[in-house]
Amino acid sequence: MKILVIGSGGREHALAWKLARSPDAERIFCAPGNAGTAEIAENVAISSDDLKALAQLSDPKPSIDTRGLSPLATEVANRLKHRIKTLDEAALKTILKQIGR
């Protein structure tokens, strides 16, 4: 599964780091990401509030199947739900607990 974490803070770094531990995580993208996320994921130079560019990223190339959304990206998730599979904060917490085991 390909995952996009939207944001550039420490919370997004921690989320990307934890998701990277999953054997199901084929590739992790962070938009826009930071120096820490660049070490564990592929940073994408797209602002977290650039909905048009984020929507284009969900097109067949590079084909991101699932997006892990930080709590700060709720609005982005709501706008993109019709185009891609999204996870809300509760779903992310469940997944992160399972990865941690």
Protein backbone atom coordinates (compact mmCIF):
# COMPACT_ATOMS: atom_id res chain seq x y z
CA MET A 1 0.00 0.00 0.00
CA LYS A 2 1.17 3.52 -0.78
CA ILE A 3 0.51 6.10 1.92
CA LEU A 4 0.56 9.90 1.96
CA VAL A 5 0.95 11.72 5.27
CA ILE A 6 -0.10 15.35 4.91
CA GLY A 7 1.75 17.91 7.01
CA SER A 8 5.25 18.93 8.03
CA GLY A 9 5.43 18.76 11.81
CA GLY A 10 6.68 16.38 14.42
CA ARG A 11 3.33 14.59 14.62
CA GLU A 12 3.51 13.77 10.90
CA HIS A 13 7.11 12.58 11.29
CA ALA A 14 6.07 10.26 14.13
CA LEU A 15 3.14 8.97 12.09
CA ALA A 16 5.30 8.33 9.01
CA TRP A 17 7.94 6.61 11.15
CA LYS A 18 5.36 4.31 12.71
CA LEU A 19 3.66 3.55 9.39
CA ALA A 20 7.05 2.75 7.83
CA ARG A 21 7.35 -0.14 10.30
CA SER A 22 4.37 -1.88 8.72
CA PRO A 23 5.14 -4.63 6.21
CA ASP A 24 2.09 -3.42 4.26
CA ALA A 25 3.63 0.02 3.64
CA GLU A 26 5.11 -0.24 0.16
CA ARG A 27 5.94 3.46 -0.06
CA ILE A 28 5.32 6.49 2.13
CA PHE A 29 5.00 10.04 0.84
CA CYS A 30 4.89 13.19 2.99
CA ALA A 31 3.46 16.46 1.69
CA PRO A 32 5.27 18.68 2.25
CA GLY A 33 7.22 16.79 4.91
CA ASN A 34 10.37 17.95 6.68
CA ALA A 35 14.02 16.95 7.12
CA GLY A 36 13.04 14.13 9.48
CA THR A 37 10.39 12.66 7.18
CA ALA A 38 12.84 12.79 4.28
CA GLU A 39 14.89 10.11 6.06
CA ILE A 40 12.00 7.62 6.19
CA ALA A 41 9.69 8.69 3.36
CA GLU A 42 9.63 10.54 0.07
CA ASN A 43 8.81 14.22 0.60
CA VAL A 44 6.54 15.75 -2.03
CA ALA A 45 6.80 19.52 -2.57
CA ILE A 46 3.09 20.19 -2.18
CA SER A 47 1.63 22.43 0.52
CA SER A 48 -0.85 20.72 2.82
CA ASP A 49 -3.51 23.24 1.81
CA ASP A 50 -3.01 22.90 -1.97
CA LEU A 51 -6.06 20.72 -2.56
CA LYS A 52 -5.74 20.76 -6.34
CA ALA A 53 -2.15 19.45 -6.27
CA LEU A 54 -3.02 16.84 -3.63
CA ALA A 55 -5.93 15.66 -5.77
CA GLN A 56 -3.65 15.40 -8.81
CA LEU A 57 -1.28 13.29 -6.73
CA SER A 58 -4.11 10.79 -6.31
CA ASP A 59 -4.32 10.23 -10.07
CA PRO A 60 -2.87 6.98 -11.48
CA LYS A 61 0.71 8.27 -11.38
CA PRO A 62 2.20 7.85 -8.78
CA SER A 63 -0.91 5.92 -7.72
CA ILE A 64 -1.29 6.46 -4.00
CA ASP A 65 -3.85 3.98 -2.69
CA THR A 66 -4.32 5.11 0.89
CA ARG A 67 -3.56 8.36 2.63
CA GLY A 68 -2.71 8.69 6.28
CA LEU A 69 -4.01 12.05 7.34
CA SER A 70 -2.84 14.01 10.33
CA PRO A 71 -5.51 15.57 12.56
CA LEU A 72 -4.62 18.92 10.99
CA ALA A 73 -5.57 17.69 7.52
CA THR A 74 -9.24 16.92 8.23
CA GLU A 75 -10.47 19.46 5.70
CA VAL A 76 -8.26 17.96 3.00
CA ALA A 77 -9.61 14.50 3.82
CA ASN A 78 -13.20 15.68 3.58
CA ARG A 79 -12.60 17.24 0.17
CA LEU A 80 -10.77 14.22 -1.26
CA LYS A 81 -12.95 11.40 0.15
CA HIS A 82 -14.78 10.95 -3.13
CA ARG A 83 -11.52 10.32 -5.02
CA ILE A 84 -9.37 8.28 -2.66
CA LYS A 85 -9.48 6.05 0.38
CA THR A 86 -8.91 8.08 3.54
CA LEU A 87 -8.40 7.22 7.19
CA ASP A 88 -9.78 9.27 10.03
CA GLU A 89 -7.93 9.78 13.31
CA ALA A 90 -9.65 6.83 15.04
CA ALA A 91 -8.70 4.45 12.21
CA LEU A 92 -5.12 5.67 12.31
CA LYS A 93 -4.91 5.07 16.06
CA THR A 94 -6.14 1.51 15.57
CA ILE A 95 -3.62 0.84 12.80
CA LEU A 96 -0.75 2.33 14.78
CA LYS A 97 -1.59 0.18 17.79
CA GLN A 98 -1.55 -2.93 15.58
CA ILE A 99 1.80 -1.99 14.02
CA GLY A 100 3.26 -1.45 17.48
CA ARG A 101 2.62 -5.06 18.51
